[in-house]
Structures are given as C-alpha cells and as structure tokens.
C-alpha atoms as a PDB file:
ATOM      1  CA  MET A   1     108.832  -6.456  -4.541  1.00  0.00           C
ATOM      2  CA  THR A   2     109.662 -10.115  -4.655  1.00  0.00           C
ATOM      3  CA  LYS A   3     109.584 -12.059  -7.898  1.00  0.00           C
ATOM      4  CA  THR A   4     106.823 -14.210  -6.447  1.00  0.00           C
ATOM      5  CA  LYS A   5     104.598 -11.219  -5.679  1.00  0.00           C
ATOM      6  CA  LYS A   6     105.226  -9.811  -9.140  1.00  0.00           C
ATOM      7  CA  MET A   7     104.348 -13.149 -10.773  1.00  0.00           C
ATOM      8  CA  VAL A   8     101.205 -13.409  -8.638  1.00  0.00           C
ATOM      9  CA  CYS A   9     100.136  -9.897  -9.618  1.00  0.00           C
ATOM     10  CA  ILE A  10     100.846 -10.454 -13.309  1.00  0.00           C
ATOM     11  CA  SER A  11      98.944 -13.751 -13.181  1.00  0.00           C
ATOM     12  CA  MET A  12      96.044 -11.995 -11.483  1.00  0.00           C
ATOM     13  CA  LEU A  13      96.067  -9.277 -14.157  1.00  0.00           C
ATOM     14  CA  CYS A  14      96.054 -11.950 -16.882  1.00  0.00           C
ATOM     15  CA  ALA A  15      93.099 -13.693 -15.257  1.00  0.00           C
ATOM     16  CA  LEU A  16      91.227 -10.427 -14.779  1.00  0.00           C
ATOM     17  CA  ALA A  17      91.854  -9.347 -18.386  1.00  0.00           C
ATOM     18  CA  TYR A  18      90.646 -12.737 -19.647  1.00  0.00           C
ATOM     19  CA  VAL A  19      87.479 -12.603 -17.517  1.00  0.00           C
ATOM     20  CA  ILE A  20      86.760  -9.103 -18.824  1.00  0.00           C
ATOM     21  CA  VAL A  21      87.156 -10.312 -22.423  1.00  0.00           C
ATOM     22  CA  PHE A  22      84.912 -13.295 -21.701  1.00  0.00           C
ATOM     23  CA  VAL A  23      82.187 -11.081 -20.211  1.00  0.00           C
ATOM     24  CA  ALA A  24      82.538  -8.593 -23.092  1.00  0.00           C
ATOM     25  CA  LYS A  25      81.957 -11.450 -25.565  1.00  0.00           C
ATOM     26  CA  LEU A  26      78.559 -12.021 -23.940  1.00  0.00           C
ATOM     27  CA  VAL A  27      77.533  -8.543 -25.113  1.00  0.00           C
ATOM     28  CA  PRO A  28      78.022  -8.803 -28.864  1.00  0.00           C
ATOM     29  CA  ILE A  29      78.870  -5.324 -30.111  1.00  0.00           C
ATOM     30  CA  ASN A  30      80.399  -6.173 -33.463  1.00  0.00           C
ATOM     31  CA  ILE A  31      81.315  -4.171 -36.509  1.00  0.00           C
ATOM     32  CA  LEU A  32      81.918  -6.333 -39.575  1.00  0.00           C
ATOM     33  CA  GLY A  33      81.801  -9.411 -37.344  1.00  0.00           C
ATOM     34  CA  PHE A  34      85.397  -9.095 -36.108  1.00  0.00           C
ATOM     35  CA  LEU A  35      85.840  -5.521 -34.886  1.00  0.00           C
ATOM     36  CA  LYS A  36      84.855  -5.692 -31.244  1.00  0.00           C
ATOM     37  CA  TYR A  37      85.365  -3.383 -28.328  1.00  0.00           C
ATOM     38  CA  ASP A  38      88.084  -4.963 -26.210  1.00  0.00           C
ATOM     39  CA  PRO A  39      88.177  -3.717 -22.594  1.00  0.00           C
ATOM     40  CA  LYS A  40      91.093  -5.977 -21.621  1.00  0.00           C
ATOM     41  CA  ASP A  41      93.469  -3.244 -22.779  1.00  0.00           C
ATOM     42  CA  VAL A  42      92.543  -1.302 -19.621  1.00  0.00           C
ATOM     43  CA  ILE A  43      93.922  -4.069 -17.392  1.00  0.00           C
ATOM     44  CA  ILE A  44      96.973  -4.556 -19.594  1.00  0.00           C
ATOM     45  CA  ALA A  45      97.733  -0.817 -19.551  1.00  0.00           C
ATOM     46  CA  ILE A  46      97.429  -0.826 -15.757  1.00  0.00           C
ATOM     47  CA  GLY A  47      99.814  -3.799 -15.606  1.00  0.00           C
ATOM     48  CA  GLY A  48     102.210  -1.858 -17.818  1.00  0.00           C
ATOM     49  CA  PHE A  49     101.939   1.217 -15.607  1.00  0.00           C
ATOM     50  CA  ILE A  50     102.736  -0.865 -12.529  1.00  0.00           C
ATOM     51  CA  PHE A  51     105.470  -3.141 -13.919  1.00  0.00           C
ATOM     52  CA  GLY A  52     106.592  -1.584 -17.203  1.00  0.00           C
ATOM     53  CA  PRO A  53     106.139  -2.224 -20.919  1.00  0.00           C
ATOM     54  CA  LEU A  54     107.654  -5.724 -20.922  1.00  0.00           C
ATOM     55  CA  SER A  55     105.024  -6.874 -18.435  1.00  0.00           C
ATOM     56  CA  ALA A  56     102.293  -5.324 -20.596  1.00  0.00           C
ATOM     57  CA  PHE A  57     103.657  -7.337 -23.515  1.00  0.00           C
ATOM     58  CA  VAL A  58     103.694 -10.570 -21.488  1.00  0.00           C
ATOM     59  CA  ILE A  59     100.138 -10.033 -20.224  1.00  0.00           C
ATOM     60  CA  SER A  60      98.954  -9.253 -23.751  1.00  0.00           C
ATOM     61  CA  VAL A  61     100.477 -12.408 -25.227  1.00  0.00           C
ATOM     62  CA  ILE A  62      99.216 -14.666 -22.421  1.00  0.00           C
ATOM     63  CA  VAL A  63      95.647 -13.346 -22.547  1.00  0.00           C
ATOM     64  CA  SER A  64      95.521 -13.376 -26.359  1.00  0.00           C
ATOM     65  CA  PHE A  65      96.891 -16.932 -26.363  1.00  0.00           C
ATOM     66  CA  ALA A  66      94.225 -18.032 -23.871  1.00  0.00           C
ATOM     67  CA  GLU A  67      91.580 -16.362 -26.047  1.00  0.00           C
ATOM     68  CA  LEU A  68      92.918 -18.132 -29.142  1.00  0.00           C
ATOM     69  CA  PHE A  69      92.196 -21.558 -27.672  1.00  0.00           C
ATOM     70  CA  THR A  70      88.958 -20.794 -25.851  1.00  0.00           C
ATOM     71  CA  ILE A  71      86.690 -17.954 -26.943  1.00  0.00           C
ATOM     72  CA  SER A  72      88.163 -16.515 -30.144  1.00  0.00           C
ATOM     73  CA  GLY A  73      86.500 -17.099 -33.455  1.00  0.00           C
ATOM     74  CA  THR A  74      89.268 -15.409 -35.418  1.00  0.00           C
ATOM     75  CA  GLY A  75      92.073 -17.969 -34.995  1.00  0.00           C
ATOM     76  CA  PRO A  76      95.762 -17.158 -35.383  1.00  0.00           C
ATOM     77  CA  ILE A  77      95.035 -13.975 -37.340  1.00  0.00           C
ATOM     78  CA  GLY A  78      92.898 -12.697 -34.450  1.00  0.00           C
ATOM     79  CA  PHE A  79      95.675 -13.637 -32.021  1.00  0.00           C
ATOM     80  CA  LEU A  80      98.229 -11.677 -34.046  1.00  0.00           C
ATOM     81  CA  MET A  81      95.949  -8.650 -34.414  1.00  0.00           C
ATOM     82  CA  ASN A  82      95.101  -8.734 -30.686  1.00  0.00           C
ATOM     83  CA  VAL A  83      98.763  -8.741 -29.676  1.00  0.00           C
ATOM     84  CA  VAL A  84      99.728  -6.006 -32.145  1.00  0.00           C
ATOM     85  CA  SER A  85      96.819  -3.764 -31.165  1.00  0.00           C
ATOM     86  CA  THR A  86      97.206  -4.214 -27.421  1.00  0.00           C
ATOM     87  CA  CYS A  87     100.986  -3.895 -27.416  1.00  0.00           C
ATOM     88  CA  SER A  88     100.898  -0.816 -29.646  1.00  0.00           C
ATOM     89  CA  TYR A  89      98.594   0.749 -27.069  1.00  0.00           C
ATOM     90  CA  ALA A  90      99.676  -0.543 -23.656  1.00  0.00           C
ATOM     91  CA  CYS A  91     103.426  -0.972 -24.176  1.00  0.00           C
ATOM     92  CA  VAL A  92     103.810   2.519 -25.637  1.00  0.00           C
ATOM     93  CA  ALA A  93     101.725   4.060 -22.837  1.00  0.00           C
ATOM     94  CA  ALA A  94     103.685   2.132 -20.194  1.00  0.00           C
ATOM     95  CA  ALA A  95     107.059   3.123 -21.660  1.00  0.00           C
ATOM     96  CA  ILE A  96     106.149   6.810 -21.580  1.00  0.00           C
ATOM     97  CA  TYR A  97     104.688   6.578 -18.067  1.00  0.00           C
ATOM     98  CA  LYS A  98     107.774   4.693 -16.848  1.00  0.00           C
ATOM     99  CA  SER A  99     109.963   7.665 -17.828  1.00  0.00           C
ATOM    100  CA  ASN A 100     108.099   9.951 -15.417  1.00  0.00           C
ATOM    101  CA  ARG A 101     105.441   8.455 -13.136  1.00  0.00           C
ATOM    102  CA  THR A 102     103.053  11.393 -12.997  1.00  0.00           C
ATOM    103  CA  GLN A 103      99.455  11.795 -14.080  1.00  0.00           C
ATOM    104  CA  LYS A 104     100.617  14.092 -16.868  1.00  0.00           C
ATOM    105  CA  TYR A 105     102.857  11.355 -18.308  1.00  0.00           C
ATOM    106  CA  ALA A 106     100.111   8.761 -17.850  1.00  0.00           C
ATOM    107  CA  ILE A 107      97.815  10.926 -19.974  1.00  0.00           C
ATOM    108  CA  ILE A 108     100.543  11.597 -22.549  1.00  0.00           C
ATOM    109  CA  GLY A 109     101.361   7.883 -22.645  1.00  0.00           C
ATOM    110  CA  LEU A 110      97.734   6.902 -23.156  1.00  0.00           C
ATOM    111  CA  ILE A 111      97.287   9.484 -25.917  1.00  0.00           C
ATOM    112  CA  VAL A 112     100.463   8.426 -27.723  1.00  0.00           C
ATOM    113  CA  GLY A 113      99.527   4.757 -27.186  1.00  0.00           C
ATOM    114  CA  SER A 114      96.085   5.441 -28.670  1.00  0.00           C
ATOM    115  CA  VAL A 115      97.621   7.077 -31.741  1.00  0.00           C
ATOM    116  CA  ALA A 116     100.184   4.266 -32.083  1.00  0.00           C
ATOM    117  CA  ALA A 117      97.525   1.553 -31.812  1.00  0.00           C
ATOM    118  CA  THR A 118      95.230   3.313 -34.278  1.00  0.00           C
ATOM    119  CA  ALA A 119      98.046   3.837 -36.798  1.00  0.00           C
ATOM    120  CA  SER A 120      99.355   0.298 -36.453  1.00  0.00           C
ATOM    121  CA  MET A 121      95.888  -1.171 -36.841  1.00  0.00           C
ATOM    122  CA  LEU A 122      95.309   0.810 -40.032  1.00  0.00           C
ATOM    123  CA  VAL A 123      98.505  -0.733 -41.432  1.00  0.00           C
ATOM    124  CA  TRP A 124      97.721  -4.229 -40.140  1.00  0.00           C
ATOM    125  CA  ASN A 125      94.096  -4.075 -41.301  1.00  0.00           C
ATOM    126  CA  TYR A 126      95.323  -3.037 -44.735  1.00  0.00           C
ATOM    127  CA  ALA A 127      97.780  -5.943 -44.799  1.00  0.00           C
ATOM    128  CA  ILE A 128      95.896  -8.735 -43.002  1.00  0.00           C
ATOM    129  CA  THR A 129      92.151  -8.091 -43.264  1.00  0.00           C
ATOM    130  CA  PRO A 130      91.953  -8.996 -46.986  1.00  0.00           C
ATOM    131  CA  LEU A 131      93.296 -12.448 -46.075  1.00  0.00           C
ATOM    132  CA  TYR A 132      90.932 -12.855 -43.128  1.00  0.00           C
ATOM    133  CA  MET A 133      87.823 -11.597 -44.903  1.00  0.00           C
ATOM    134  CA  GLU A 134      88.822 -13.059 -48.270  1.00  0.00           C
ATOM    135  CA  THR A 135      88.080  -9.655 -49.740  1.00  0.00           C
ATOM    136  CA  PRO A 136      90.040  -7.686 -52.327  1.00  0.00           C
ATOM    137  CA  ARG A 137      92.412  -5.164 -50.778  1.00  0.00           C
ATOM    138  CA  SER A 138      90.652  -2.406 -52.723  1.00  0.00           C
ATOM    139  CA  GLU A 139      87.513  -3.056 -50.640  1.00  0.00           C
ATOM    140  CA  ILE A 140      89.511  -2.870 -47.407  1.00  0.00           C
ATOM    141  CA  VAL A 141      91.088   0.414 -48.500  1.00  0.00           C
ATOM    142  CA  LYS A 142      87.570   1.847 -48.828  1.00  0.00           C
ATOM    143  CA  MET A 143      86.939   0.909 -45.159  1.00  0.00           C
ATOM    144  CA  LEU A 144      90.173   2.222 -43.623  1.00  0.00           C
ATOM    145  CA  LEU A 145      89.042   5.798 -42.943  1.00  0.00           C
ATOM    146  CA  PRO A 146      85.283   5.419 -42.451  1.00  0.00           C
ATOM    147  CA  VAL A 147      85.396   2.159 -40.412  1.00  0.00           C
ATOM    148  CA  PHE A 148      88.813   1.182 -39.009  1.00  0.00           C
ATOM    149  CA  LEU A 149      90.045   4.673 -38.097  1.00  0.00           C
ATOM    150  CA  PRO A 150      87.040   5.775 -36.014  1.00  0.00           C
ATOM    151  CA  PHE A 151      86.621   2.324 -34.473  1.00  0.00           C
ATOM    152  CA  ASN A 152      90.203   2.263 -33.183  1.00  0.00           C
ATOM    153  CA  LEU A 153      90.152   5.895 -32.053  1.00  0.00           C
ATOM    154  CA  ILE A 154      86.930   5.369 -30.094  1.00  0.00           C
ATOM    155  CA  LYS A 155      88.135   2.067 -28.620  1.00  0.00           C
ATOM    156  CA  THR A 156      91.458   3.480 -27.430  1.00  0.00           C
ATOM    157  CA  ALA A 157      89.887   6.711 -26.152  1.00  0.00           C
ATOM    158  CA  LEU A 158      87.381   4.710 -24.123  1.00  0.00           C
ATOM    159  CA  ASN A 159      90.098   2.416 -22.765  1.00  0.00           C
ATOM    160  CA  SER A 160      92.279   5.418 -21.896  1.00  0.00           C
ATOM    161  CA  SER A 161      89.442   7.119 -20.034  1.00  0.00           C
ATOM    162  CA  ILE A 162      88.654   3.977 -18.048  1.00  0.00           C
ATOM    163  CA  THR A 163      92.352   3.414 -17.302  1.00  0.00           C
ATOM    164  CA  LEU A 164      92.672   6.923 -15.904  1.00  0.00           C
ATOM    165  CA  LEU A 165      89.562   6.425 -13.745  1.00  0.00           C
ATOM    166  CA  VAL A 166      90.487   3.059 -12.240  1.00  0.00           C
ATOM    167  CA  TYR A 167      94.299   3.095 -12.078  1.00  0.00           C
ATOM    168  CA  LYS A 168      94.793   4.844  -8.721  1.00  0.00           C
ATOM    169  CA  PRO A 169      92.006   2.967  -6.873  1.00  0.00           C
ATOM    170  CA  PHE A 170      93.228  -0.332  -8.347  1.00  0.00           C
ATOM    171  CA  VAL A 171      96.838   0.266  -7.290  1.00  0.00           C
ATOM    172  CA  SER A 172      95.669   1.428  -3.847  1.00  0.00           C
ATOM    173  CA  MET A 173      93.769  -1.832  -3.436  1.00  0.00           C
ATOM    174  CA  LEU A 174      96.848  -3.841  -4.471  1.00  0.00           C
ATOM    175  CA  ARG A 175      98.899  -1.921  -1.887  1.00  0.00           C
ATOM    176  CA  LYS A 176      96.368  -2.600   0.872  1.00  0.00           C
ATOM    177  CA  ILE A 177      96.479  -6.345   0.255  1.00  0.00           C
ATOM    178  CA  GLY A 178     100.276  -6.256   0.095  1.00  0.00           C
ATOM    179  CA  ILE A 179     100.812  -7.269  -3.522  1.00  0.00           C
ATOM    180  CA  VAL A 180     102.287  -3.971  -4.696  1.00  0.00           C
ATOM    181  CA  ASN A 181     104.476  -1.754  -2.550  1.00  0.00           C
ATOM    182  CA  LYS A 182     104.563   2.026  -2.723  1.00  0.00           C
ATOM    183  CA  TYR A 183     107.566   2.128  -5.012  1.00  0.00           C
ATOM    184  CA  SER A 184     106.314  -0.406  -7.573  1.00  0.00           C
ATOM    185  CA  GLU A 185     104.044   2.017  -9.376  1.00  0.00           C
END
C-alpha cells in the first residue's frame, strides 16, 4: 500500500468517525450530562485493525481534536478523556489483533480493549471528574461502581459487537475500491 493510499484511508476514517459522532450528538442519550455513548470507537477500532495501533491513536487524536473545537461541550477535559478512553480500547484491541490476524484474536483484542478502557476510565473518572463536575471526590467514588463501571462496560461491549459485525464488509468494500489491498488487513 502506498503512503498516499494509507493517508487517504486514514483521513476517510477520521471523517467517518467525526460524522458518526456528530450524528450521535443529535440523539442526546446522556448520563450525568457528560457520559454519552460514543460510536466513533467502532471506526477507530477498524482503522486500528487495518493499519495497527499507532493509526488508531492518530485517528483518535484527530477526531477528538476536531470535536474539541466544533461540537464538544466538555472542553480540554473532554478531549483528554476521549483520547484516553478510545486509545485504551482501540489501540489495545489493534495491538492484539496485529499479533495474529484471525477472528479469534479480533474478539480477544476487543474484549481486552473493553476491559482496558473500562479500567482506565474508572481511574480517570476518579481523578478528573471531580474537577470537571466541581464535585467532591467522595461523591465521585460513590458513582464509580453503579454508574461509570456499567456505562463503560455497556459502551465497549456495544462497540465491540458492532465492530465485529461491520469489519469484514467494510474492509471488503475498501478492497473493491482499491484503497486497501489484501495484505493490509
């Protein structure tokens, strides 16, 4: 694959992830005003499966940065939390899948990525959410298990399921239009 094709595909994935976030913002499913289902992780995980964990990181940062200056209401803290959450999920899944490109390793990667994202978000919510919400940490601690844990587990499980459903058809489409060759995924 040429560098140009790879850049085009990564740019397309960034645009697609951003559009998905934009559309998802039109359907306000909020918990506490800032916990929102974020389907862009599906596209970023697919990008990581195709090009590796570094590409998943790049896509995550670009899309989160675009969100920061356009549709985000959470500012720099939201940007940081977006990048940490998405990278914990997609980069871990992509790294595991890269070691053995089989459906089994895709599933293992998505499960481990889901656990990593959930664990990291519990830590980051403990550390950052009191600053964002201007709430005592003791109140956030009370929300870790009943709110943050199930929210992140459900979000990552949903994203993993969707990723598994759309990955092969998506890559097949990219092959047909000549953006990805057989050996890129």
